[in-house]
Amino acid sequence: MKLAFLGTRGNVDARSPLHQMHSSTMVSYHGKRVVLDCGADWLGKVGEWNIEAVVVTHAHPDHAQGLEEGAPSPVYATERAWEGMEDFHIHDRRVLAPREPTEIAGIGFEAFPVDHSSRAPAVGYRISAGQVTIFYVPDVVWIRDREGALSGAKLYVSDGATIKRSMARKIEGALIGHTPVRTQLTWCQKTGVSRAIFTHCGAEIVQADDQRVQAELQVLARERGVEAQIAYDGLEVVLR
């Protein structure tokens, strides 16, 4: 399995040479390519992709609005995500049911509901190809079945909104927002995931000196026995 981080910027105005485009990640296996998420920055550029499918985590603009004018391939999303994309000009719409494994272009996807937004309910994806399994969830405050999502995963790819500061809050009893990298590293420690990459970066990371941020991350990661890094636009990772 190969991951190519096409974009790594979250829903922030800040940009940097390392984080120009909204977070979007290509998963490749045996020559087949599936893109995860397609935010507003990608509007008008999707037709250039030679891919088999797009898979959407949720319908926030920074994850889905790049598909507003259509896509050159089938688009997969949950029913709740499709409610937020009902006006998009997508002709080949396919529904992913939570916790039902589905094969797309030879790659397995299983949607796990997560807490992040009450208006745009999100999922993370347990993705499997060959002998490799990863979990991908670029926006998250809580994974409801964390053990089921992360157990046996070789890599955790997730929310880089902040390093230590919590952005979680409750609105009408619903937990929304973002959990900091520090807490997510503890999730990895508790579930035996030895490697993590953080994407969908917030302003705290985008505007900071990259070496300083990476050094701060390494201290937190070593304390928990996890190998970790901040993704940047153009990063490629091969998992064997």
Protein backbone atom coordinates (compact mmCIF):
# COMPACT_ATOMS: atom_id res chain seq x y z
CA MET A 1 0.00 0.00 0.00
CA LYS A 2 1.22 3.50 -0.86
CA LEU A 3 -0.07 6.76 0.58
CA ALA A 4 0.43 10.09 -1.17
CA PHE A 5 -0.56 13.16 0.83
CA LEU A 6 -1.89 15.48 -1.86
CA GLY A 7 -2.88 18.17 0.63
CA THR A 8 -2.48 18.55 4.39
CA ARG A 9 -4.08 21.88 5.33
CA GLY A 10 -7.13 21.97 7.58
CA ASN A 11 -10.00 24.45 7.61
CA VAL A 12 -7.77 27.47 8.27
CA ASP A 13 -6.84 30.57 6.31
CA ALA A 14 -3.14 30.07 6.96
CA ARG A 15 -0.98 28.44 4.29
CA SER A 16 2.69 27.55 4.07
CA PRO A 17 4.97 25.92 1.48
CA LEU A 18 4.43 22.58 3.28
CA HIS A 19 0.67 22.96 3.71
CA GLN A 20 -0.96 24.59 0.69
CA MET A 21 -4.00 22.45 -0.12
CA HIS A 22 -6.91 21.07 1.88
CA SER A 23 -6.18 17.60 3.20
CA SER A 24 -6.60 14.88 0.60
CA THR A 25 -4.80 11.55 0.47
CA MET A 26 -4.35 9.03 -2.33
CA VAL A 27 -4.21 5.33 -1.46
CA SER A 28 -2.61 3.11 -4.12
CA TYR A 29 -2.40 -0.65 -4.37
CA HIS A 30 -1.33 -2.70 -7.42
CA GLY A 31 -1.76 0.30 -9.72
CA LYS A 32 -5.25 1.23 -8.49
CA ARG A 33 -5.78 4.62 -6.86
CA VAL A 34 -8.47 5.88 -4.50
CA VAL A 35 -8.54 9.44 -3.13
CA LEU A 36 -9.75 10.18 0.39
CA ASP A 37 -11.55 13.54 0.70
CA CYS A 38 -11.58 16.46 -1.70
CA GLY A 39 -11.95 19.87 -0.10
CA ALA A 40 -12.74 23.23 -1.66
CA ASP A 41 -9.12 23.86 -2.71
CA TRP A 42 -9.48 21.02 -5.22
CA LEU A 43 -12.50 22.49 -7.04
CA GLY A 44 -11.80 22.42 -10.77
CA LYS A 45 -8.77 20.14 -10.37
CA VAL A 46 -10.49 16.79 -9.76
CA GLY A 47 -10.81 16.03 -13.47
CA GLU A 48 -7.01 15.83 -13.68
CA TRP A 49 -6.90 12.81 -11.36
CA ASN A 50 -6.51 9.38 -12.94
CA ILE A 51 -8.24 7.46 -10.17
CA GLU A 52 -10.75 4.68 -9.58
CA ALA A 53 -12.82 6.38 -6.87
CA VAL A 54 -13.15 9.13 -4.27
CA VAL A 55 -14.11 8.24 -0.69
CA VAL A 56 -15.44 11.01 1.57
CA THR A 57 -15.21 11.09 5.38
CA HIS A 58 -17.83 13.83 5.86
CA ALA A 59 -19.48 16.73 4.07
CA HIS A 60 -17.66 19.74 5.52
CA PRO A 61 -16.42 22.05 2.71
CA ASP A 62 -12.76 21.36 3.46
CA HIS A 63 -13.38 17.65 2.84
CA ALA A 64 -16.00 17.55 0.11
CA GLN A 65 -16.58 20.84 -1.72
CA GLY A 66 -13.99 20.09 -4.37
CA LEU A 67 -16.55 17.59 -5.69
CA GLU A 68 -19.28 20.19 -6.13
CA GLU A 69 -18.89 20.29 -9.92
CA GLY A 70 -18.59 16.51 -10.25
CA ALA A 71 -15.95 13.81 -10.31
CA PRO A 72 -14.35 11.63 -13.01
CA SER A 73 -15.01 8.48 -10.98
CA PRO A 74 -17.53 6.99 -8.55
CA VAL A 75 -17.80 8.79 -5.21
CA TYR A 76 -18.39 6.80 -2.02
CA ALA A 77 -19.82 8.28 1.18
CA THR A 78 -22.22 7.46 3.98
CA GLU A 79 -25.89 8.42 3.72
CA ARG A 80 -25.33 11.21 6.25
CA ALA A 81 -22.48 12.61 4.15
CA TRP A 82 -24.59 12.45 0.99
CA GLU A 83 -27.22 14.59 2.72
CA GLY A 84 -24.64 17.36 2.85
CA MET A 85 -23.67 16.84 -0.80
CA GLU A 86 -27.15 16.48 -2.27
CA ASP A 87 -26.73 19.48 -4.59
CA PHE A 88 -23.34 18.37 -5.93
CA HIS A 89 -23.20 17.40 -9.62
CA ILE A 90 -22.00 13.85 -8.95
CA HIS A 91 -23.54 11.26 -11.24
CA ASP A 92 -22.11 8.03 -9.82
CA ARG A 93 -23.05 8.14 -6.12
CA ARG A 94 -22.38 5.10 -3.98
CA VAL A 95 -23.38 4.62 -0.35
CA LEU A 96 -21.11 3.13 2.29
CA ALA A 97 -22.92 1.70 5.30
CA PRO A 98 -21.09 2.09 8.61
CA ARG A 99 -19.30 -1.06 9.79
CA GLU A 100 -19.91 -2.91 6.53
CA PRO A 101 -16.56 -3.71 4.80
CA THR A 102 -16.58 -2.76 1.12
CA GLU A 103 -13.95 -3.43 -1.54
CA ILE A 104 -13.14 -0.51 -3.82
CA ALA A 105 -10.60 -1.10 -6.60
CA GLY A 106 -9.12 -4.02 -4.67
CA ILE A 107 -8.77 -2.00 -1.44
CA GLY A 108 -10.94 -2.70 1.59
CA PHE A 109 -12.79 0.15 3.34
CA GLU A 110 -14.82 -0.03 6.54
CA ALA A 111 -16.46 3.14 7.89
CA PHE A 112 -16.33 3.73 11.66
CA PRO A 113 -18.58 6.48 13.09
CA VAL A 114 -16.64 9.13 15.01
CA ASP A 115 -17.59 12.25 16.94
CA HIS A 116 -16.56 15.51 15.28
CA SER A 117 -19.58 17.48 14.05
CA SER A 118 -23.32 17.22 14.67
CA ARG A 119 -24.13 19.03 11.40
CA ALA A 120 -21.78 16.95 9.23
CA PRO A 121 -21.46 13.53 10.90
CA ALA A 122 -18.07 12.01 10.16
CA VAL A 123 -16.52 8.60 9.85
CA GLY A 124 -12.99 7.27 9.83
CA TYR A 125 -11.96 4.45 7.53
CA ARG A 126 -10.22 1.23 8.36
CA ILE A 127 -8.38 0.59 5.08
CA SER A 128 -6.84 -2.76 4.14
CA ALA A 129 -4.74 -3.89 1.18
CA GLY A 130 -2.74 -7.10 1.12
CA GLN A 131 -1.32 -7.62 4.61
CA VAL A 132 -1.49 -3.93 5.58
CA THR A 133 -4.25 -2.18 7.52
CA ILE A 134 -4.38 1.50 8.45
CA PHE A 135 -6.95 3.77 10.06
CA TYR A 136 -7.66 7.16 8.47
CA VAL A 137 -9.66 9.85 10.29
CA PRO A 138 -8.62 13.45 9.48
CA ASP A 139 -11.23 15.11 11.75
CA VAL A 140 -12.01 13.55 15.12
CA VAL A 141 -12.79 14.26 18.74
CA TRP A 142 -13.70 10.68 19.71
CA ILE A 143 -13.66 7.25 18.02
CA ARG A 144 -16.68 5.34 19.29
CA ASP A 145 -15.20 1.86 18.80
CA ARG A 146 -11.56 2.74 19.12
CA GLU A 147 -10.40 -0.82 19.74
CA GLY A 148 -12.22 -2.11 16.67
CA ALA A 149 -10.94 0.74 14.52
CA LEU A 150 -7.27 0.62 15.52
CA SER A 151 -6.64 -3.01 16.50
CA GLY A 152 -3.97 -4.52 14.24
CA ALA A 153 -3.45 -1.28 12.30
CA LYS A 154 0.07 -0.61 11.04
CA LEU A 155 -0.52 3.13 10.81
CA TYR A 156 -2.88 5.73 12.27
CA VAL A 157 -3.47 8.80 10.03
CA SER A 158 -5.39 11.52 11.79
CA ASP A 159 -6.26 15.01 12.95
CA GLY A 160 -3.46 17.58 13.23
CA ALA A 161 -5.59 20.51 14.39
CA THR A 162 -3.45 21.10 17.50
CA ILE A 163 -0.54 19.47 19.30
CA LYS A 164 -1.63 19.82 22.95
CA ARG A 165 -4.60 22.20 23.11
CA SER A 166 -8.02 20.56 23.12
CA MET A 167 -10.65 21.92 20.73
CA ALA A 168 -13.38 19.61 22.03
CA ARG A 169 -16.65 21.02 23.35
CA LYS A 170 -20.26 20.00 23.87
CA ILE A 171 -23.23 21.54 22.09
CA GLU A 172 -26.67 20.30 23.14
CA GLY A 173 -25.03 17.21 24.61
CA ALA A 174 -23.06 16.36 21.45
CA LEU A 175 -19.27 16.20 21.61
CA ILE A 176 -17.76 18.13 18.68
CA GLY A 177 -14.42 19.56 17.58
CA HIS A 178 -10.90 18.14 17.56
CA THR A 179 -8.80 16.10 19.96
CA PRO A 180 -5.13 17.14 20.20
CA VAL A 181 -2.27 15.10 18.80
CA ARG A 182 -1.01 14.32 22.32
CA THR A 183 -4.23 12.51 23.22
CA GLN A 184 -4.36 10.65 19.92
CA LEU A 185 -0.83 9.35 20.52
CA THR A 186 -2.10 7.93 23.80
CA TRP A 187 -4.89 6.20 21.86
CA CYS A 188 -2.21 4.60 19.68
CA GLN A 189 -0.23 3.53 22.74
CA LYS A 190 -3.28 1.89 24.32
CA THR A 191 -4.27 0.01 21.15
CA GLY A 192 -0.78 -1.10 20.10
CA VAL A 193 -0.47 1.10 17.00
CA SER A 194 3.23 1.85 16.60
CA ARG A 195 3.13 4.58 13.95
CA ALA A 196 1.09 7.75 13.41
CA ILE A 197 1.00 10.50 10.79
CA PHE A 198 -0.95 13.71 11.38
CA THR A 199 -2.59 15.59 8.52
CA HIS A 200 -5.40 18.17 8.18
CA CYS A 201 -3.12 20.57 10.02
CA GLY A 202 -4.42 23.54 11.95
CA ALA A 203 -2.95 27.05 12.07
CA GLU A 204 -0.78 26.12 15.07
CA ILE A 205 1.16 23.72 12.85
CA VAL A 206 0.83 25.44 9.47
CA GLN A 207 2.23 28.75 10.74
CA ALA A 208 4.94 27.28 12.98
CA ASP A 209 8.53 26.40 12.22
CA ASP A 210 8.37 22.82 10.95
CA GLN A 211 11.50 21.65 12.76
CA ARG A 212 10.21 22.97 16.07
CA VAL A 213 6.83 21.29 15.62
CA GLN A 214 8.41 17.99 14.60
CA ALA A 215 10.72 18.13 17.64
CA GLU A 216 7.79 18.77 19.98
CA LEU A 217 5.91 15.89 18.39
CA GLN A 218 8.87 13.53 18.81
CA VAL A 219 9.00 14.16 22.57
CA LEU A 220 5.31 13.28 22.94
CA ALA A 221 5.63 10.26 20.64
CA ARG A 222 8.69 8.78 22.38
CA GLU A 223 6.97 9.05 25.76
CA ARG A 224 4.28 6.75 24.36
CA GLY A 225 6.45 4.43 22.29
CA VAL A 226 5.00 5.59 18.99
CA GLU A 227 6.79 6.70 15.82
CA ALA A 228 5.12 9.89 14.58
CA GLN A 229 5.41 12.68 12.03
CA ILE A 230 3.49 15.64 10.61
CA ALA A 231 2.46 15.12 6.99
CA TYR A 232 3.14 17.75 4.33
CA ASP A 233 1.86 18.24 0.79
CA GLY A 234 3.67 15.73 -1.44
CA LEU A 235 4.70 13.28 1.30
CA GLU A 236 4.68 9.67 0.08
CA VAL A 237 4.70 6.64 2.38
CA VAL A 238 5.02 2.99 1.33
CA LEU A 239 3.71 0.37 3.74
CA ARG A 240 4.77 -3.24 3.32
